[in-house]
Amino acid sequence: QVQLVESGGGLVPAGGSLNLSCSTSINVLKGSTMGWYRQLPGRQRTPLARITATGVVTFADSVEGRFSISRDDAKNAVLLYMSRLKPEDTAVYYCNTGPNPNPLYWGQGTQVTVSS
């Protein structure tokens, strides 16, 4: 059973930074584009950023210039670096394959709360 485990969330003041980590298995990561998604309260899950197996990155307009993404295939991890956080970034953050997430891979996510 594939399991993606997100961690690193927490409470941070507006303007602050957080780094999220996604731990996965080599069977998921190897050769795959990986992405980060978030679900705001009462909203659908939306894509934020993705990184291809060769390191090409893409960001949603809402986080462009504030978030960055990287992967460490040796550690089977995908990382999301978030800076200049805003209260509207408050959400549960998930990782999955991209650009089409596998519905079987959704984990529990990690809560990020940005206080104003």
C-alpha atoms as a PDB file:
ATOM      1  CA  GLN A   1       0.000   0.000   0.000  1.00  0.00           C
ATOM      2  CA  VAL A   2       1.402   3.350  -1.047  1.00  0.00           C
ATOM      3  CA  GLN A   3       1.618   5.922   1.663  1.00  0.00           C
ATOM      4  CA  LEU A   4       2.541   9.558   1.367  1.00  0.00           C
ATOM      5  CA  VAL A   5       3.167  11.270   4.668  1.00  0.00           C
ATOM      6  CA  GLU A   6       3.235  15.040   4.934  1.00  0.00           C
ATOM      7  CA  SER A   7       4.828  16.843   7.847  1.00  0.00           C
ATOM      8  CA  GLY A   8       6.125  20.226   8.912  1.00  0.00           C
ATOM      9  CA  GLY A   9       2.914  22.164   9.244  1.00  0.00           C
ATOM     10  CA  GLY A  10       2.102  24.404  12.159  1.00  0.00           C
ATOM     11  CA  LEU A  11       1.092  27.848  13.289  1.00  0.00           C
ATOM     12  CA  VAL A  12       3.083  30.756  11.928  1.00  0.00           C
ATOM     13  CA  PRO A  13       2.524  34.529  11.900  1.00  0.00           C
ATOM     14  CA  ALA A  14       1.870  36.334   8.666  1.00  0.00           C
ATOM     15  CA  GLY A  15       5.122  36.995   6.870  1.00  0.00           C
ATOM     16  CA  GLY A  16       6.741  33.924   8.343  1.00  0.00           C
ATOM     17  CA  SER A  17       8.088  30.774   6.756  1.00  0.00           C
ATOM     18  CA  LEU A  18       7.536  27.046   6.967  1.00  0.00           C
ATOM     19  CA  ASN A  19       9.097  24.063   5.301  1.00  0.00           C
ATOM     20  CA  LEU A  20       6.957  21.042   4.540  1.00  0.00           C
ATOM     21  CA  SER A  21       8.183  17.566   3.822  1.00  0.00           C
ATOM     22  CA  CYS A  22       6.546  14.683   2.040  1.00  0.00           C
ATOM     23  CA  SER A  23       7.866  11.203   2.603  1.00  0.00           C
ATOM     24  CA  THR A  24       7.009   8.610   0.035  1.00  0.00           C
ATOM     25  CA  SER A  25       8.197   5.364  -1.422  1.00  0.00           C
ATOM     26  CA  ILE A  26      10.635   4.962  -4.266  1.00  0.00           C
ATOM     27  CA  ASN A  27       7.933   3.356  -6.338  1.00  0.00           C
ATOM     28  CA  VAL A  28       5.989   6.584  -6.262  1.00  0.00           C
ATOM     29  CA  LEU A  29       8.856   9.030  -6.607  1.00  0.00           C
ATOM     30  CA  LYS A  30      11.095   7.467  -9.212  1.00  0.00           C
ATOM     31  CA  GLY A  31      10.547   9.037 -12.587  1.00  0.00           C
ATOM     32  CA  SER A  32       7.401  10.814 -11.432  1.00  0.00           C
ATOM     33  CA  THR A  33       6.384  14.418 -11.386  1.00  0.00           C
ATOM     34  CA  MET A  34       5.477  15.244  -7.808  1.00  0.00           C
ATOM     35  CA  GLY A  35       3.301  18.041  -6.576  1.00  0.00           C
ATOM     36  CA  TRP A  36       2.018  19.851  -3.559  1.00  0.00           C
ATOM     37  CA  TYR A  37      -1.643  20.658  -3.157  1.00  0.00           C
ATOM     38  CA  ARG A  38      -3.704  22.406  -0.553  1.00  0.00           C
ATOM     39  CA  GLN A  39      -7.268  22.445   0.587  1.00  0.00           C
ATOM     40  CA  LEU A  40      -8.602  25.628   2.074  1.00  0.00           C
ATOM     41  CA  PRO A  41     -11.517  25.394   4.488  1.00  0.00           C
ATOM     42  CA  GLY A  42     -14.678  24.700   2.547  1.00  0.00           C
ATOM     43  CA  ARG A  43     -12.868  24.588  -0.777  1.00  0.00           C
ATOM     44  CA  GLN A  44     -11.657  21.925  -3.159  1.00  0.00           C
ATOM     45  CA  ARG A  45      -8.077  20.728  -3.175  1.00  0.00           C
ATOM     46  CA  THR A  46      -5.968  22.745  -5.597  1.00  0.00           C
ATOM     47  CA  PRO A  47      -2.458  22.331  -7.028  1.00  0.00           C
ATOM     48  CA  LEU A  48       0.289  24.621  -5.773  1.00  0.00           C
ATOM     49  CA  ALA A  49       3.550  23.467  -7.196  1.00  0.00           C
ATOM     50  CA  ARG A  50       5.055  20.548  -8.980  1.00  0.00           C
ATOM     51  CA  ILE A  51       8.491  19.291  -9.892  1.00  0.00           C
ATOM     52  CA  THR A  52       9.351  16.865 -12.645  1.00  0.00           C
ATOM     53  CA  ALA A  53      11.812  14.029 -12.355  1.00  0.00           C
ATOM     54  CA  THR A  54      14.372  16.280 -14.042  1.00  0.00           C
ATOM     55  CA  GLY A  55      13.748  19.214 -11.736  1.00  0.00           C
ATOM     56  CA  VAL A  56      11.519  21.444 -13.820  1.00  0.00           C
ATOM     57  CA  VAL A  57       9.203  23.335 -11.490  1.00  0.00           C
ATOM     58  CA  THR A  58       5.829  24.964 -11.941  1.00  0.00           C
ATOM     59  CA  PHE A  59       3.880  27.103  -9.485  1.00  0.00           C
ATOM     60  CA  ALA A  60       0.356  28.366  -9.117  1.00  0.00           C
ATOM     61  CA  ASP A  61       0.043  32.130  -9.481  1.00  0.00           C
ATOM     62  CA  SER A  62      -1.018  32.433  -5.856  1.00  0.00           C
ATOM     63  CA  VAL A  63       2.334  31.164  -4.574  1.00  0.00           C
ATOM     64  CA  GLU A  64       4.726  32.121  -7.359  1.00  0.00           C
ATOM     65  CA  GLY A  65       7.736  33.898  -5.892  1.00  0.00           C
ATOM     66  CA  ARG A  66       6.898  32.878  -2.318  1.00  0.00           C
ATOM     67  CA  PHE A  67       7.046  29.085  -2.437  1.00  0.00           C
ATOM     68  CA  SER A  68       9.673  26.770  -3.813  1.00  0.00           C
ATOM     69  CA  ILE A  69       9.744  23.021  -4.288  1.00  0.00           C
ATOM     70  CA  SER A  70      12.504  20.473  -4.376  1.00  0.00           C
ATOM     71  CA  ARG A  71      12.923  16.723  -4.316  1.00  0.00           C
ATOM     72  CA  ASP A  72      15.442  14.391  -2.809  1.00  0.00           C
ATOM     73  CA  ASP A  73      15.107  11.097  -4.594  1.00  0.00           C
ATOM     74  CA  ALA A  74      17.765   9.497  -2.420  1.00  0.00           C
ATOM     75  CA  LYS A  75      15.579  10.151   0.601  1.00  0.00           C
ATOM     76  CA  ASN A  76      12.281   9.602  -1.200  1.00  0.00           C
ATOM     77  CA  ALA A  77      11.167  13.064  -0.202  1.00  0.00           C
ATOM     78  CA  VAL A  78       9.533  16.091  -1.746  1.00  0.00           C
ATOM     79  CA  LEU A  79       9.911  19.420  -0.002  1.00  0.00           C
ATOM     80  CA  LEU A  80       7.921  22.645  -0.077  1.00  0.00           C
ATOM     81  CA  TYR A  81       9.517  25.834   1.175  1.00  0.00           C
ATOM     82  CA  MET A  82       7.002  28.519   2.007  1.00  0.00           C
ATOM     83  CA  SER A  83       7.896  32.118   2.748  1.00  0.00           C
ATOM     84  CA  ARG A  84       6.035  35.399   3.165  1.00  0.00           C
ATOM     85  CA  LEU A  85       3.047  33.433   4.320  1.00  0.00           C
ATOM     86  CA  LYS A  86      -0.370  35.060   4.321  1.00  0.00           C
ATOM     87  CA  PRO A  87      -3.485  34.243   6.320  1.00  0.00           C
ATOM     88  CA  GLU A  88      -5.078  33.032   3.093  1.00  0.00           C
ATOM     89  CA  ASP A  89      -2.406  30.323   2.907  1.00  0.00           C
ATOM     90  CA  THR A  90      -4.095  28.646   5.855  1.00  0.00           C
ATOM     91  CA  ALA A  91      -5.014  25.180   4.626  1.00  0.00           C
ATOM     92  CA  VAL A  92      -4.229  21.507   4.805  1.00  0.00           C
ATOM     93  CA  TYR A  93      -1.280  20.734   2.542  1.00  0.00           C
ATOM     94  CA  TYR A  94      -0.845  17.465   0.672  1.00  0.00           C
ATOM     95  CA  CYS A  95       1.616  15.928  -1.720  1.00  0.00           C
ATOM     96  CA  ASN A  96       0.834  13.584  -4.568  1.00  0.00           C
ATOM     97  CA  THR A  97       1.907  12.913  -8.106  1.00  0.00           C
ATOM     98  CA  GLY A  98       1.348  15.640 -10.641  1.00  0.00           C
ATOM     99  CA  PRO A  99      -0.143  17.120 -12.671  1.00  0.00           C
ATOM    100  CA  ASN A 100      -2.805  14.435 -12.212  1.00  0.00           C
ATOM    101  CA  PRO A 101      -2.828  13.269  -8.611  1.00  0.00           C
ATOM    102  CA  ASN A 102      -3.436   9.610  -7.933  1.00  0.00           C
ATOM    103  CA  PRO A 103      -6.563   9.343  -5.784  1.00  0.00           C
ATOM    104  CA  LEU A 104      -5.067   6.336  -4.010  1.00  0.00           C
ATOM    105  CA  TYR A 105      -2.076   8.348  -2.805  1.00  0.00           C
ATOM    106  CA  TRP A 106      -3.767  11.064  -0.752  1.00  0.00           C
ATOM    107  CA  GLY A 107      -2.406  11.076   2.771  1.00  0.00           C
ATOM    108  CA  GLN A 108      -3.583  12.892   5.890  1.00  0.00           C
ATOM    109  CA  GLY A 109      -1.961  16.158   4.934  1.00  0.00           C
ATOM    110  CA  THR A 110      -0.386  18.667   7.264  1.00  0.00           C
ATOM    111  CA  GLN A 111      -2.183  21.709   8.641  1.00  0.00           C
ATOM    112  CA  VAL A 112      -0.697  25.128   8.061  1.00  0.00           C
ATOM    113  CA  THR A 113      -2.236  28.029   9.939  1.00  0.00           C
ATOM    114  CA  VAL A 114      -1.102  31.580   9.315  1.00  0.00           C
ATOM    115  CA  SER A 115      -2.189  34.108  11.888  1.00  0.00           C
ATOM    116  CA  SER A 116      -2.819  37.724  10.968  1.00  0.00           C
END
